[in-house]
Structures are given as structure tokens and as C-alpha cells.
C-alpha atoms as a PDB file:
ATOM      1  CA  TRP A   1       0.162  -0.049   0.124  1.00  0.00           C
ATOM      2  CA  MET A   2       2.755   2.511   0.872  1.00  0.00           C
ATOM      3  CA  LYS A   3       4.393   2.071  -2.491  1.00  0.00           C
ATOM      4  CA  VAL A   4       1.256   2.041  -4.686  1.00  0.00           C
ATOM      5  CA  SER A   5      -0.663   5.019  -2.694  1.00  0.00           C
ATOM      6  CA  PRO A   6       2.049   7.765  -4.264  1.00  0.00           C
ATOM      7  CA  LEU A   7       0.986   6.565  -7.646  1.00  0.00           C
ATOM      8  CA  GLY A   8      -2.599   6.531  -6.946  1.00  0.00           C
ATOM      9  CA  ILE A   9      -2.648   9.980  -5.615  1.00  0.00           C
ATOM     10  CA  TRP A  10      -0.631  11.157  -8.427  1.00  0.00           C
ATOM     11  CA  ALA A  11      -3.264   9.805 -11.072  1.00  0.00           C
ATOM     12  CA  LEU A  12      -6.176  11.233  -9.029  1.00  0.00           C
ATOM     13  CA  CYS A  13      -4.507  14.575  -9.282  1.00  0.00           C
ATOM     14  CA  GLN A  14      -3.918  14.162 -13.091  1.00  0.00           C
ATOM     15  CA  VAL A  15      -7.583  13.152 -13.644  1.00  0.00           C
ATOM     16  CA  PHE A  16      -9.450  15.567 -11.012  1.00  0.00           C
ATOM     17  CA  ILE A  17      -7.328  18.545 -10.981  1.00  0.00           C
ATOM     18  CA  LEU A  18      -4.657  19.019 -13.745  1.00  0.00           C
ATOM     19  CA  LEU A  19      -6.705  17.678 -16.809  1.00  0.00           C
ATOM     20  CA  PRO A  20      -9.887  19.983 -16.340  1.00  0.00           C
ATOM     21  CA  LEU A  21      -7.447  22.754 -15.916  1.00  0.00           C
ATOM     22  CA  ASN A  22      -5.544  22.132 -18.971  1.00  0.00           C
ATOM     23  CA  VAL A  23      -9.037  21.669 -20.758  1.00  0.00           C
ATOM     24  CA  ASP A  24     -11.230  24.549 -19.384  1.00  0.00           C
ATOM     25  CA  ALA A  25      -8.706  27.168 -18.301  1.00  0.00           C
ATOM     26  CA  PRO A  26      -8.197  29.854 -20.865  1.00  0.00           C
ATOM     27  CA  LYS A  27      -4.568  30.574 -21.186  1.00  0.00           C
ATOM     28  CA  GLY A  28      -1.963  32.005 -23.582  1.00  0.00           C
ATOM     29  CA  ASP A  29       0.605  34.418 -23.989  1.00  0.00           C
ATOM     30  CA  LEU A  30       0.020  38.165 -22.773  1.00  0.00           C
ATOM     31  CA  ILE A  31       1.847  40.766 -24.703  1.00  0.00           C
ATOM     32  CA  VAL A  32       2.012  44.534 -23.600  1.00  0.00           C
ATOM     33  CA  ILE A  33       1.522  46.694 -26.817  1.00  0.00           C
ATOM     34  CA  ARG A  34       2.800  50.105 -26.505  1.00  0.00           C
ATOM     35  CA  GLN A  35       2.876  53.020 -29.378  1.00  0.00           C
ATOM     36  CA  THR A  36       6.283  54.151 -30.353  1.00  0.00           C
ATOM     37  CA  VAL A  37       6.721  57.593 -31.706  1.00  0.00           C
ATOM     38  CA  PRO A  38       9.883  58.022 -34.052  1.00  0.00           C
ATOM     39  CA  ILE A  39      11.537  61.028 -33.119  1.00  0.00           C
ATOM     40  CA  VAL A  40      12.769  63.174 -36.513  1.00  0.00           C
ATOM     41  CA  PRO A  41      14.338  66.517 -36.175  1.00  0.00           C
ATOM     42  CA  SER A  42      12.616  69.268 -37.846  1.00  0.00           C
ATOM     43  CA  VAL A  43      15.832  71.026 -38.435  1.00  0.00           C
ATOM     44  CA  SER A  44      19.311  70.070 -39.096  1.00  0.00           C
ATOM     45  CA  GLY A  45      22.387  70.473 -36.727  1.00  0.00           C
ATOM     46  CA  VAL A  46      24.884  69.057 -34.573  1.00  0.00           C
ATOM     47  CA  VAL A  47      23.871  67.423 -31.266  1.00  0.00           C
ATOM     48  CA  THR A  48      25.267  69.317 -28.203  1.00  0.00           C
ATOM     49  CA  GLU A  49      23.579  67.753 -25.371  1.00  0.00           C
ATOM     50  CA  ILE A  50      21.468  64.605 -24.422  1.00  0.00           C
ATOM     51  CA  PRO A  51      20.400  64.913 -21.124  1.00  0.00           C
ATOM     52  CA  ILE A  52      18.416  61.547 -20.783  1.00  0.00           C
ATOM     53  CA  GLU A  53      19.311  57.994 -20.511  1.00  0.00           C
ATOM     54  CA  SER A  54      17.406  54.850 -22.006  1.00  0.00           C
ATOM     55  CA  ASN A  55      14.589  53.210 -20.394  1.00  0.00           C
ATOM     56  CA  VAL A  56      13.972  56.099 -17.887  1.00  0.00           C
ATOM     57  CA  LEU A  57      10.430  57.384 -17.597  1.00  0.00           C
ATOM     58  CA  LEU A  58      10.279  60.949 -19.113  1.00  0.00           C
ATOM     59  CA  LYS A  59       7.297  63.502 -18.642  1.00  0.00           C
ATOM     60  CA  LYS A  60       5.680  65.223 -21.548  1.00  0.00           C
ATOM     61  CA  GLY A  61       8.120  68.069 -22.444  1.00  0.00           C
ATOM     62  CA  ASP A  62      11.476  66.885 -21.091  1.00  0.00           C
ATOM     63  CA  VAL A  63      14.388  67.670 -23.142  1.00  0.00           C
ATOM     64  CA  LEU A  64      15.564  64.657 -25.291  1.00  0.00           C
ATOM     65  CA  PHE A  65      18.486  66.426 -26.944  1.00  0.00           C
ATOM     66  CA  ARG A  66      19.707  69.756 -28.148  1.00  0.00           C
ATOM     67  CA  MET A  67      21.325  70.819 -31.183  1.00  0.00           C
ATOM     68  CA  ASP A  68      23.907  73.771 -31.576  1.00  0.00           C
ATOM     69  CA  PRO A  69      21.679  76.851 -31.838  1.00  0.00           C
ATOM     70  CA  VAL A  70      24.330  79.578 -33.150  1.00  0.00           C
ATOM     71  CA  THR A  71      23.333  79.312 -36.900  1.00  0.00           C
ATOM     72  CA  TYR A  72      19.627  79.581 -36.213  1.00  0.00           C
ATOM     73  CA  GLN A  73      20.010  82.379 -33.288  1.00  0.00           C
ATOM     74  CA  ALA A  74      21.974  84.186 -35.884  1.00  0.00           C
ATOM     75  CA  GLU A  75      19.577  84.277 -38.420  1.00  0.00           C
ATOM     76  CA  VAL A  76      16.889  85.700 -36.000  1.00  0.00           C
ATOM     77  CA  ASP A  77      18.988  88.219 -34.790  1.00  0.00           C
ATOM     78  CA  ARG A  78      19.769  89.156 -38.531  1.00  0.00           C
ATOM     79  CA  LEU A  79      16.045  89.310 -39.429  1.00  0.00           C
ATOM     80  CA  GLU A  80      15.355  91.430 -36.330  1.00  0.00           C
ATOM     81  CA  ALA A  81      17.872  93.776 -37.157  1.00  0.00           C
ATOM     82  CA  GLN A  82      16.679  94.111 -40.873  1.00  0.00           C
ATOM     83  CA  LEU A  83      12.880  94.402 -39.490  1.00  0.00           C
ATOM     84  CA  ARG A  84      13.607  97.297 -37.335  1.00  0.00           C
ATOM     85  CA  GLN A  85      15.526  99.063 -39.941  1.00  0.00           C
ATOM     86  CA  ASP A  86      12.929  98.736 -42.625  1.00  0.00           C
ATOM     87  CA  GLU A  87       9.988  99.528 -40.261  1.00  0.00           C
ATOM     88  CA  SER A  88      12.032 102.939 -39.303  1.00  0.00           C
ATOM     89  CA  GLU A  89      12.673 103.555 -42.836  1.00  0.00           C
ATOM     90  CA  TRP A  90       9.061 102.876 -44.016  1.00  0.00           C
ATOM     91  CA  GLU A  91       7.508 104.911 -41.132  1.00  0.00           C
ATOM     92  CA  GLY A  92       9.409 108.048 -42.233  1.00  0.00           C
ATOM     93  CA  ARG A  93       8.353 107.217 -46.040  1.00  0.00           C
ATOM     94  CA  GLU A  94       4.814 106.883 -45.043  1.00  0.00           C
ATOM     95  CA  ALA A  95       4.846 110.425 -43.467  1.00  0.00           C
ATOM     96  CA  ILE A  96       5.892 112.115 -46.494  1.00  0.00           C
ATOM     97  CA  ALA A  97       3.869 110.045 -48.903  1.00  0.00           C
ATOM     98  CA  GLY A  98       0.908 112.015 -49.001  1.00  0.00           C
ATOM     99  CA  LYS A  99       3.232 115.218 -49.465  1.00  0.00           C
ATOM    100  CA  GLY A 100       4.394 113.919 -52.973  1.00  0.00           C
ATOM    101  CA  GLY A 101       7.808 112.695 -51.760  1.00  0.00           C
ATOM    102  CA  VAL A 102       7.211 109.006 -51.975  1.00  0.00           C
ATOM    103  CA  SER A 103       4.524 107.330 -54.269  1.00  0.00           C
ATOM    104  CA  VAL A 104       1.617 105.168 -52.685  1.00  0.00           C
ATOM    105  CA  GLU A 105       2.817 102.148 -54.810  1.00  0.00           C
ATOM    106  CA  GLU A 106       6.319 102.531 -53.251  1.00  0.00           C
ATOM    107  CA  VAL A 107       4.679 102.789 -49.539  1.00  0.00           C
ATOM    108  CA  GLY A 108       2.779  99.555 -50.263  1.00  0.00           C
ATOM    109  CA  ARG A 109       5.595  97.851 -51.700  1.00  0.00           C
ATOM    110  CA  GLY A 110       7.402  98.627 -48.405  1.00  0.00           C
ATOM    111  CA  ARG A 111       4.600  97.340 -46.207  1.00  0.00           C
ATOM    112  CA  ALA A 112       4.608  94.131 -48.181  1.00  0.00           C
ATOM    113  CA  ASP A 113       8.569  93.999 -47.569  1.00  0.00           C
ATOM    114  CA  VAL A 114       8.068  94.558 -43.907  1.00  0.00           C
ATOM    115  CA  GLU A 115       5.389  91.644 -43.672  1.00  0.00           C
ATOM    116  CA  GLN A 116       7.408  89.376 -45.273  1.00  0.00           C
ATOM    117  CA  LEU A 117      10.415  90.163 -43.070  1.00  0.00           C
ATOM    118  CA  ARG A 118       7.884  89.476 -40.126  1.00  0.00           C
ATOM    119  CA  ASN A 119       7.171  86.042 -41.618  1.00  0.00           C
ATOM    120  CA  GLN A 120      10.435  85.238 -42.290  1.00  0.00           C
ATOM    121  CA  LEU A 121      11.138  86.264 -38.690  1.00  0.00           C
ATOM    122  CA  VAL A 122       8.356  83.748 -37.389  1.00  0.00           C
ATOM    123  CA  ALA A 123       9.780  80.985 -39.279  1.00  0.00           C
ATOM    124  CA  ALA A 124      13.347  81.714 -37.892  1.00  0.00           C
ATOM    125  CA  ARG A 125      12.085  81.714 -34.300  1.00  0.00           C
ATOM    126  CA  TRP A 126      10.299  78.250 -35.052  1.00  0.00           C
ATOM    127  CA  ASN A 127      13.474  76.857 -36.454  1.00  0.00           C
ATOM    128  CA  LEU A 128      15.549  77.992 -33.498  1.00  0.00           C
ATOM    129  CA  GLU A 129      13.037  76.497 -31.056  1.00  0.00           C
ATOM    130  CA  GLN A 130      13.223  73.263 -32.738  1.00  0.00           C
ATOM    131  CA  THR A 131      16.985  72.750 -31.939  1.00  0.00           C
ATOM    132  CA  THR A 132      15.446  71.563 -28.502  1.00  0.00           C
ATOM    133  CA  VAL A 133      13.825  68.378 -29.012  1.00  0.00           C
ATOM    134  CA  THR A 134      11.299  67.467 -26.256  1.00  0.00           C
ATOM    135  CA  ALA A 135       9.307  64.351 -25.190  1.00  0.00           C
ATOM    136  CA  PRO A 136       6.066  64.539 -27.000  1.00  0.00           C
ATOM    137  CA  SER A 137       4.090  62.710 -24.212  1.00  0.00           C
ATOM    138  CA  ASP A 138       4.722  60.578 -20.876  1.00  0.00           C
ATOM    139  CA  GLY A 139       7.216  57.733 -21.747  1.00  0.00           C
ATOM    140  CA  PHE A 140      10.597  56.522 -22.274  1.00  0.00           C
ATOM    141  CA  VAL A 141      13.461  56.211 -25.053  1.00  0.00           C
ATOM    142  CA  GLY A 142      13.843  52.520 -25.711  1.00  0.00           C
ATOM    143  CA  SER A 143      17.487  52.556 -27.221  1.00  0.00           C
ATOM    144  CA  LEU A 144      19.650  55.402 -27.055  1.00  0.00           C
ATOM    145  CA  THR A 145      22.205  55.334 -29.847  1.00  0.00           C
ATOM    146  CA  LEU A 146      22.180  58.990 -30.684  1.00  0.00           C
ATOM    147  CA  ARG A 147      25.433  60.671 -29.106  1.00  0.00           C
ATOM    148  CA  PRO A 148      26.716  64.390 -28.762  1.00  0.00           C
ATOM    149  CA  GLY A 149      28.696  65.545 -31.950  1.00  0.00           C
ATOM    150  CA  ALA A 150      26.238  63.423 -34.308  1.00  0.00           C
ATOM    151  CA  ARG A 151      24.989  65.636 -37.187  1.00  0.00           C
ATOM    152  CA  VAL A 152      21.069  65.349 -37.469  1.00  0.00           C
ATOM    153  CA  VAL A 153      19.433  66.046 -40.631  1.00  0.00           C
ATOM    154  CA  ALA A 154      16.049  67.456 -40.986  1.00  0.00           C
ATOM    155  CA  ASN A 155      13.023  65.488 -41.715  1.00  0.00           C
ATOM    156  CA  THR A 156      15.011  62.589 -43.321  1.00  0.00           C
ATOM    157  CA  SER A 157      15.206  59.962 -40.619  1.00  0.00           C
ATOM    158  CA  GLN A 158      14.525  58.754 -37.051  1.00  0.00           C
ATOM    159  CA  VAL A 159      17.327  59.425 -34.296  1.00  0.00           C
ATOM    160  CA  MET A 160      15.580  57.677 -31.539  1.00  0.00           C
ATOM    161  CA  SER A 161      12.146  55.725 -30.912  1.00  0.00           C
ATOM    162  CA  PHE A 162      10.020  57.192 -28.049  1.00  0.00           C
ATOM    163  CA  ILE A 163       7.854  54.795 -26.471  1.00  0.00           C
ATOM    164  CA  ASP A 164       4.512  56.089 -25.374  1.00  0.00           C
ATOM    165  CA  ARG A 165       3.444  55.426 -21.908  1.00  0.00           C
ATOM    166  CA  GLU A 166      -0.135  56.671 -21.956  1.00  0.00           C
ATOM    167  CA  ASP A 167      -1.562  54.603 -25.072  1.00  0.00           C
ATOM    168  CA  GLN A 168      -0.939  50.891 -24.330  1.00  0.00           C
ATOM    169  CA  SER A 169      -2.896  47.858 -24.767  1.00  0.00           C
ATOM    170  CA  LEU A 170      -2.643  44.505 -23.476  1.00  0.00           C
ATOM    171  CA  LEU A 171      -2.962  41.545 -25.997  1.00  0.00           C
ATOM    172  CA  MET A 172      -3.722  37.798 -25.035  1.00  0.00           C
ATOM    173  CA  GLN A 173      -3.639  34.701 -27.251  1.00  0.00           C
ATOM    174  CA  VAL A 174      -6.194  32.198 -26.253  1.00  0.00           C
ATOM    175  CA  GLN A 175      -6.740  28.866 -28.032  1.00  0.00           C
ATOM    176  CA  GLN A 176      -9.727  28.371 -29.710  1.00  0.00           C
ATOM    177  CA  ASN A 177     -11.025  25.541 -27.614  1.00  0.00           C
ATOM    178  CA  HIS A 178     -10.712  27.963 -24.391  1.00  0.00           C
ATOM    179  CA  LEU A 179     -12.724  30.767 -25.854  1.00  0.00           C
ATOM    180  CA  ARG A 180     -15.961  29.181 -25.061  1.00  0.00           C
ATOM    181  CA  ASN A 181     -14.935  30.067 -21.357  1.00  0.00           C
ATOM    182  CA  VAL A 182     -14.378  33.637 -22.060  1.00  0.00           C
ATOM    183  CA  ARG A 183     -17.013  36.488 -21.306  1.00  0.00           C
ATOM    184  CA  GLY A 184     -16.859  40.133 -21.675  1.00  0.00           C
ATOM    185  CA  GLY A 185     -16.070  41.887 -18.532  1.00  0.00           C
ATOM    186  CA  GLN A 186     -14.190  39.042 -16.901  1.00  0.00           C
ATOM    187  CA  PRO A 187     -11.448  39.868 -14.872  1.00  0.00           C
ATOM    188  CA  ALA A 188      -8.222  38.696 -16.544  1.00  0.00           C
END
């Protein structure tokens, strides 16, 4: 009896516990799916700073990397100086336009030139802002291969993948014969 009883208990466990669980219990692989956002710089430049690390949680707006802003700042400064000069020049000409010193058409062209400079200045300021690339949402950078000194080119290829933490799904594979036991709203 002592030698046969463990074998009998094992057989009973197989028949009454493990076999029903194997047939009736839904099971399968569980995968966490997260959206990745390709980080592609909007402007070209040399990377000067990368204040983050791989797989460290970041908040929306945290700096991912910075590029050298010197050329973009110089363009903003140049356009601001040109705009100040043109505005003061055309303000003086508008004052004498009614007195016959400058034609109305010239004043109109001058206003158009000033407006064009304002638009160029808006674009130059936007380019300057784009030298600092920030996190689009809460999440983390999976694999960080970008290094200071690397040159990135605008709108051509991604320099890193940002994994969005806000939008995630769970995917579970369940075999077809187990689906009869799965109901909507069941805890998983």
C-alpha cells in the first residue's frame, strides 16, 4: 500500500485537477503593446547635449536632446535687425507719402517687404525652438544610440524611438477551444 499510494494520488490529481484545468482554463501568451513615436528632428544640426538615459521614465516636454543653435540664433538676430531698420525707414516714408515725396505704390511695396520680413522672423524663431527636441508625451526612449557630436538632418530619418506610456494595450492569445469560457467583462 505504501508503494502504490503515491502513484494513485498522482493519477487522481492528474484526472480531477490538472486535466480539467488544462482543458477548461483559458490561457495564452500576454503581450503589452505600446505605441512608439519616431523622433525625427525638424531642423538640421550638430547634437550638443543629450540629458536623458535609455529606459528612464520621462514626462511630456522633457528635453530629449539639443542641437547647436548658433546659426539659427544668428538668423533670428539678422532678421530682427533688418525688420527694425525697414520699419523705421518705411514709417518715415509713409509720413511724406501724402506730400508727394514717395508714391503710394512704393509705400505699399515697403509694407509688403516689412510683412514678409515678419513672416521670415516667425519661421526663423520656430527653427530656433526646434533645436531643442522634447518628449511628445509621458514615456521613455527604448534604445539610445544618438551621441553628442552627431549631425542630424531635418525630416530624413528618425534618431530615436520614443515609447508612449499613455497609450498601451494588452494582447492575450487564447486557444480556440478555450474561448467558450471567456466572457466580456471577466477579470483577467
